[in-house]
Amino acid sequence: MKKKALETRFIADSMLGKLAKWLRLAGVDVEYEKDIDDKELVQRAIFEDRVILTRDRSVTQRKLVKECLLINSEHLSEQIREFKRAFELNTLKNAFTRCILCNNPLEEIPKELLKGKVPPYIWNTHERFKHCNRCKRVYWAGTHRRNAEKLLKELIEESDLKGEKGLTLKTDYEG
């Protein structure tokens, strides 16, 4: 049985920034730093109890790595297919619940607190807002969200239609 992606914590290597962003949009907890080196990636995965997502085969062979998914493709749609072969992700009910910049969970924020902090048109046409307590980014359901939602739905559903191949999932809890 596959682990549920929404109940698992991940950390992505420096080559998987786009995948990390789209998994965050789907509500998946994925830490990502553009300049993280392999040693720090492994240390953080151990310390924070995260599954490593990597394109680097040598990371999967490190002795200390407990759980790791090797992503072979350079293309986002195939990367999501590879991810879904290993982890269950078949719903978008948690979509748009994490900050795409820093991965922090988003929280509802009263509209009144944002007066003068969002463009006037957005203030006048939207009632619900979310924000990130860590990086302070504000989110609302505008055209960017609708476009992202459509693409995310296509990526998640399309990955269900493709065949199985090329999965390397390391789960080694003995060291």
C-alpha atoms as a PDB file:
ATOM      1  CA  MET A   1       0.000   0.000   0.000  1.00  0.00           C
ATOM      2  CA  LYS A   2       1.285   3.458  -0.928  1.00  0.00           C
ATOM      3  CA  LYS A   3       1.914   6.118   1.677  1.00  0.00           C
ATOM      4  CA  LYS A   4      -0.412   9.097   1.445  1.00  0.00           C
ATOM      5  CA  ALA A   5       1.424  12.146   0.136  1.00  0.00           C
ATOM      6  CA  LEU A   6      -0.658  14.515   2.245  1.00  0.00           C
ATOM      7  CA  GLU A   7       0.368  12.651   5.422  1.00  0.00           C
ATOM      8  CA  THR A   8       4.076  12.485   4.549  1.00  0.00           C
ATOM      9  CA  ARG A   9       6.758  15.154   4.862  1.00  0.00           C
ATOM     10  CA  PHE A  10       9.240  15.594   2.002  1.00  0.00           C
ATOM     11  CA  ILE A  11      12.422  17.471   1.193  1.00  0.00           C
ATOM     12  CA  ALA A  12      13.417  18.046  -2.442  1.00  0.00           C
ATOM     13  CA  ASP A  13      16.942  18.454  -3.748  1.00  0.00           C
ATOM     14  CA  SER A  14      18.130  21.512  -5.666  1.00  0.00           C
ATOM     15  CA  MET A  15      17.118  20.019  -9.039  1.00  0.00           C
ATOM     16  CA  LEU A  16      13.435  19.645  -8.163  1.00  0.00           C
ATOM     17  CA  GLY A  17      12.271  23.206  -7.475  1.00  0.00           C
ATOM     18  CA  LYS A  18       9.413  23.116  -9.965  1.00  0.00           C
ATOM     19  CA  LEU A  19       8.138  19.783  -8.636  1.00  0.00           C
ATOM     20  CA  ALA A  20       8.343  21.110  -5.057  1.00  0.00           C
ATOM     21  CA  LYS A  21       6.299  24.183  -6.024  1.00  0.00           C
ATOM     22  CA  TRP A  22       3.539  22.159  -7.701  1.00  0.00           C
ATOM     23  CA  LEU A  23       3.381  19.611  -4.889  1.00  0.00           C
ATOM     24  CA  ARG A  24       3.035  22.524  -2.451  1.00  0.00           C
ATOM     25  CA  LEU A  25       0.169  23.842  -4.571  1.00  0.00           C
ATOM     26  CA  ALA A  26      -1.464  20.420  -4.149  1.00  0.00           C
ATOM     27  CA  GLY A  27      -1.091  20.760  -0.366  1.00  0.00           C
ATOM     28  CA  VAL A  28       1.921  18.459   0.061  1.00  0.00           C
ATOM     29  CA  ASP A  29       4.528  19.393   2.711  1.00  0.00           C
ATOM     30  CA  VAL A  30       7.739  19.756   0.639  1.00  0.00           C
ATOM     31  CA  GLU A  31      10.755  21.655   1.928  1.00  0.00           C
ATOM     32  CA  TYR A  32      13.033  23.002  -0.802  1.00  0.00           C
ATOM     33  CA  GLU A  33      16.121  25.176  -0.884  1.00  0.00           C
ATOM     34  CA  LYS A  34      17.686  26.069  -4.201  1.00  0.00           C
ATOM     35  CA  ASP A  35      21.278  25.827  -2.944  1.00  0.00           C
ATOM     36  CA  ILE A  36      21.087  22.865  -0.561  1.00  0.00           C
ATOM     37  CA  ASP A  37      23.958  20.382  -0.862  1.00  0.00           C
ATOM     38  CA  ASP A  38      23.531  16.616  -0.577  1.00  0.00           C
ATOM     39  CA  LYS A  39      24.984  16.372   2.934  1.00  0.00           C
ATOM     40  CA  GLU A  40      22.629  19.027   4.325  1.00  0.00           C
ATOM     41  CA  LEU A  41      19.699  17.491   2.412  1.00  0.00           C
ATOM     42  CA  VAL A  42      20.286  14.121   4.084  1.00  0.00           C
ATOM     43  CA  GLN A  43      20.823  15.689   7.528  1.00  0.00           C
ATOM     44  CA  ARG A  44      17.596  17.676   7.299  1.00  0.00           C
ATOM     45  CA  ALA A  45      15.675  14.627   6.075  1.00  0.00           C
ATOM     46  CA  ILE A  46      16.858  12.657   9.105  1.00  0.00           C
ATOM     47  CA  PHE A  47      16.361  15.460  11.638  1.00  0.00           C
ATOM     48  CA  GLU A  48      12.924  16.500  10.306  1.00  0.00           C
ATOM     49  CA  ASP A  49      11.755  12.958   9.425  1.00  0.00           C
ATOM     50  CA  ARG A  50      11.286  13.729   5.731  1.00  0.00           C
ATOM     51  CA  VAL A  51      11.359  11.578   2.606  1.00  0.00           C
ATOM     52  CA  ILE A  52      13.982  12.802   0.140  1.00  0.00           C
ATOM     53  CA  LEU A  53      12.950  13.600  -3.440  1.00  0.00           C
ATOM     54  CA  THR A  54      16.046  13.679  -5.631  1.00  0.00           C
ATOM     55  CA  ARG A  55      17.332  13.467  -9.188  1.00  0.00           C
ATOM     56  CA  ASP A  56      20.791  12.471  -7.897  1.00  0.00           C
ATOM     57  CA  ARG A  57      21.273   8.697  -7.827  1.00  0.00           C
ATOM     58  CA  SER A  58      24.205   9.019  -5.394  1.00  0.00           C
ATOM     59  CA  VAL A  59      21.853  10.443  -2.738  1.00  0.00           C
ATOM     60  CA  THR A  60      19.768   7.253  -2.854  1.00  0.00           C
ATOM     61  CA  GLN A  61      22.900   5.209  -2.129  1.00  0.00           C
ATOM     62  CA  ARG A  62      23.959   7.093   1.009  1.00  0.00           C
ATOM     63  CA  LYS A  63      23.970   4.872   4.053  1.00  0.00           C
ATOM     64  CA  LEU A  64      22.095   7.275   6.335  1.00  0.00           C
ATOM     65  CA  VAL A  65      19.207   7.793   3.899  1.00  0.00           C
ATOM     66  CA  LYS A  66      16.120   6.063   5.254  1.00  0.00           C
ATOM     67  CA  GLU A  67      13.528   6.930   2.622  1.00  0.00           C
ATOM     68  CA  CYS A  68      14.183   8.431  -0.770  1.00  0.00           C
ATOM     69  CA  LEU A  69      12.475   8.660  -4.152  1.00  0.00           C
ATOM     70  CA  LEU A  70      14.668   8.991  -7.226  1.00  0.00           C
ATOM     71  CA  ILE A  71      12.949  11.171  -9.830  1.00  0.00           C
ATOM     72  CA  ASN A  72      14.373  10.322 -13.245  1.00  0.00           C
ATOM     73  CA  SER A  73      12.620  12.812 -15.518  1.00  0.00           C
ATOM     74  CA  GLU A  74      13.448  16.470 -16.130  1.00  0.00           C
ATOM     75  CA  HIS A  75       9.830  17.207 -17.143  1.00  0.00           C
ATOM     76  CA  LEU A  76       7.241  18.243 -14.558  1.00  0.00           C
ATOM     77  CA  SER A  77       4.358  16.085 -15.799  1.00  0.00           C
ATOM     78  CA  GLU A  78       6.543  12.965 -15.774  1.00  0.00           C
ATOM     79  CA  GLN A  79       8.004  13.909 -12.381  1.00  0.00           C
ATOM     80  CA  ILE A  80       4.480  14.030 -10.960  1.00  0.00           C
ATOM     81  CA  ARG A  81       3.745  10.641 -12.536  1.00  0.00           C
ATOM     82  CA  GLU A  82       6.874   9.220 -10.897  1.00  0.00           C
ATOM     83  CA  PHE A  83       5.865  10.752  -7.567  1.00  0.00           C
ATOM     84  CA  LYS A  84       2.334   9.330  -7.817  1.00  0.00           C
ATOM     85  CA  ARG A  85       3.640   5.848  -8.542  1.00  0.00           C
ATOM     86  CA  ALA A  86       5.217   5.887  -5.082  1.00  0.00           C
ATOM     87  CA  PHE A  87       2.791   8.062  -3.090  1.00  0.00           C
ATOM     88  CA  GLU A  88      -0.980   8.379  -3.095  1.00  0.00           C
ATOM     89  CA  LEU A  89      -2.065  11.802  -4.329  1.00  0.00           C
ATOM     90  CA  ASN A  90      -5.475  11.667  -5.944  1.00  0.00           C
ATOM     91  CA  THR A  91      -7.304  14.615  -4.499  1.00  0.00           C
ATOM     92  CA  LEU A  92      -6.981  18.354  -4.591  1.00  0.00           C
ATOM     93  CA  LYS A  93      -8.974  18.927  -1.395  1.00  0.00           C
ATOM     94  CA  ASN A  94      -5.831  20.334   0.276  1.00  0.00           C
ATOM     95  CA  ALA A  95      -4.790  22.431  -2.718  1.00  0.00           C
ATOM     96  CA  PHE A  96      -3.698  25.989  -1.996  1.00  0.00           C
ATOM     97  CA  THR A  97      -3.145  25.391   1.716  1.00  0.00           C
ATOM     98  CA  ARG A  98       0.661  25.872   1.712  1.00  0.00           C
ATOM     99  CA  CYS A  99       2.832  28.823   0.745  1.00  0.00           C
ATOM    100  CA  ILE A 100       4.494  28.088  -2.584  1.00  0.00           C
ATOM    101  CA  LEU A 101       7.534  30.150  -1.578  1.00  0.00           C
ATOM    102  CA  CYS A 102       8.358  28.766   1.868  1.00  0.00           C
ATOM    103  CA  ASN A 103       6.037  25.745   2.398  1.00  0.00           C
ATOM    104  CA  ASN A 104       4.425  27.172   5.541  1.00  0.00           C
ATOM    105  CA  PRO A 105       0.712  26.364   6.047  1.00  0.00           C
ATOM    106  CA  LEU A 106      -1.523  29.264   4.981  1.00  0.00           C
ATOM    107  CA  GLU A 107      -3.994  30.877   7.361  1.00  0.00           C
ATOM    108  CA  GLU A 108      -7.157  32.875   6.755  1.00  0.00           C
ATOM    109  CA  ILE A 109      -6.662  36.571   7.408  1.00  0.00           C
ATOM    110  CA  PRO A 110      -9.427  39.146   7.908  1.00  0.00           C
ATOM    111  CA  LYS A 111      -9.821  41.396   4.895  1.00  0.00           C
ATOM    112  CA  GLU A 112      -9.687  44.511   7.085  1.00  0.00           C
ATOM    113  CA  LEU A 113      -6.075  43.768   8.039  1.00  0.00           C
ATOM    114  CA  LEU A 114      -5.034  43.954   4.385  1.00  0.00           C
ATOM    115  CA  LYS A 115      -6.375  47.407   3.499  1.00  0.00           C
ATOM    116  CA  GLY A 116      -3.615  49.202   1.611  1.00  0.00           C
ATOM    117  CA  LYS A 117      -1.542  45.999   1.428  1.00  0.00           C
ATOM    118  CA  VAL A 118      -3.226  44.506  -1.641  1.00  0.00           C
ATOM    119  CA  PRO A 119      -4.076  46.278  -4.902  1.00  0.00           C
ATOM    120  CA  PRO A 120      -7.333  48.314  -4.709  1.00  0.00           C
ATOM    121  CA  TYR A 121      -9.059  46.207  -7.383  1.00  0.00           C
ATOM    122  CA  ILE A 122      -8.293  43.021  -5.422  1.00  0.00           C
ATOM    123  CA  TRP A 123      -9.505  44.660  -2.193  1.00  0.00           C
ATOM    124  CA  ASN A 124     -12.795  45.637  -3.862  1.00  0.00           C
ATOM    125  CA  THR A 125     -13.470  42.331  -5.625  1.00  0.00           C
ATOM    126  CA  HIS A 126     -12.375  39.681  -3.091  1.00  0.00           C
ATOM    127  CA  GLU A 127     -13.645  38.814   0.371  1.00  0.00           C
ATOM    128  CA  ARG A 128     -11.405  35.894   1.391  1.00  0.00           C
ATOM    129  CA  PHE A 129      -7.649  36.037   1.793  1.00  0.00           C
ATOM    130  CA  LYS A 130      -4.958  33.746   3.140  1.00  0.00           C
ATOM    131  CA  HIS A 131      -1.475  34.651   4.204  1.00  0.00           C
ATOM    132  CA  CYS A 132       1.788  33.041   5.213  1.00  0.00           C
ATOM    133  CA  ASN A 133       2.968  33.879   8.721  1.00  0.00           C
ATOM    134  CA  ARG A 134       6.580  33.107   7.771  1.00  0.00           C
ATOM    135  CA  CYS A 135       7.205  35.089   4.568  1.00  0.00           C
ATOM    136  CA  LYS A 136       4.102  37.352   4.822  1.00  0.00           C
ATOM    137  CA  ARG A 137       2.908  36.632   1.273  1.00  0.00           C
ATOM    138  CA  VAL A 138      -0.846  37.160   0.755  1.00  0.00           C
ATOM    139  CA  TYR A 139      -3.006  34.891  -1.422  1.00  0.00           C
ATOM    140  CA  TRP A 140      -6.487  35.239  -2.928  1.00  0.00           C
ATOM    141  CA  ALA A 141      -8.537  33.264  -5.454  1.00  0.00           C
ATOM    142  CA  GLY A 142      -7.819  35.251  -8.613  1.00  0.00           C
ATOM    143  CA  THR A 143      -7.090  34.272 -12.208  1.00  0.00           C
ATOM    144  CA  HIS A 144      -3.629  32.960 -11.312  1.00  0.00           C
ATOM    145  CA  ARG A 145      -5.216  30.532  -8.881  1.00  0.00           C
ATOM    146  CA  ARG A 146      -7.845  29.402 -11.392  1.00  0.00           C
ATOM    147  CA  ASN A 147      -5.153  28.791 -14.007  1.00  0.00           C
ATOM    148  CA  ALA A 148      -2.947  26.957 -11.498  1.00  0.00           C
ATOM    149  CA  GLU A 149      -5.920  24.891 -10.308  1.00  0.00           C
ATOM    150  CA  LYS A 150      -6.710  23.845 -13.881  1.00  0.00           C
ATOM    151  CA  LEU A 151      -3.098  22.877 -14.611  1.00  0.00           C
ATOM    152  CA  LEU A 152      -2.731  21.097 -11.273  1.00  0.00           C
ATOM    153  CA  LYS A 153      -5.895  19.089 -11.929  1.00  0.00           C
ATOM    154  CA  GLU A 154      -4.588  18.142 -15.376  1.00  0.00           C
ATOM    155  CA  LEU A 155      -1.198  17.127 -13.955  1.00  0.00           C
ATOM    156  CA  ILE A 156      -2.707  15.016 -11.167  1.00  0.00           C
ATOM    157  CA  GLU A 157      -5.344  13.357 -13.362  1.00  0.00           C
ATOM    158  CA  GLU A 158      -3.024  12.897 -16.362  1.00  0.00           C
ATOM    159  CA  SER A 159      -0.524  11.077 -14.184  1.00  0.00           C
ATOM    160  CA  ASP A 160      -3.220   8.504 -13.385  1.00  0.00           C
ATOM    161  CA  LEU A 161      -3.583   7.649 -17.065  1.00  0.00           C
ATOM    162  CA  LYS A 162       0.050   6.756 -17.762  1.00  0.00           C
ATOM    163  CA  GLY A 163       1.690   3.354 -17.377  1.00  0.00           C
ATOM    164  CA  GLU A 164       4.033   2.257 -14.596  1.00  0.00           C
ATOM    165  CA  LYS A 165       7.787   2.496 -15.143  1.00  0.00           C
ATOM    166  CA  GLY A 166      11.084   3.648 -13.706  1.00  0.00           C
ATOM    167  CA  LEU A 167      10.358   3.785  -9.983  1.00  0.00           C
ATOM    168  CA  THR A 168      13.209   3.737  -7.498  1.00  0.00           C
ATOM    169  CA  LEU A 169      12.028   4.059  -3.930  1.00  0.00           C
ATOM    170  CA  LYS A 170      14.476   3.334  -1.141  1.00  0.00           C
ATOM    171  CA  THR A 171      13.033   2.465   2.222  1.00  0.00           C
ATOM    172  CA  ASP A 172      15.797   1.301   4.514  1.00  0.00           C
ATOM    173  CA  TYR A 173      15.195   1.740   8.209  1.00  0.00           C
ATOM    174  CA  GLU A 174      18.215  -0.256   9.370  1.00  0.00           C
ATOM    175  CA  GLY A 175      20.806   2.338   8.371  1.00  0.00           C
END
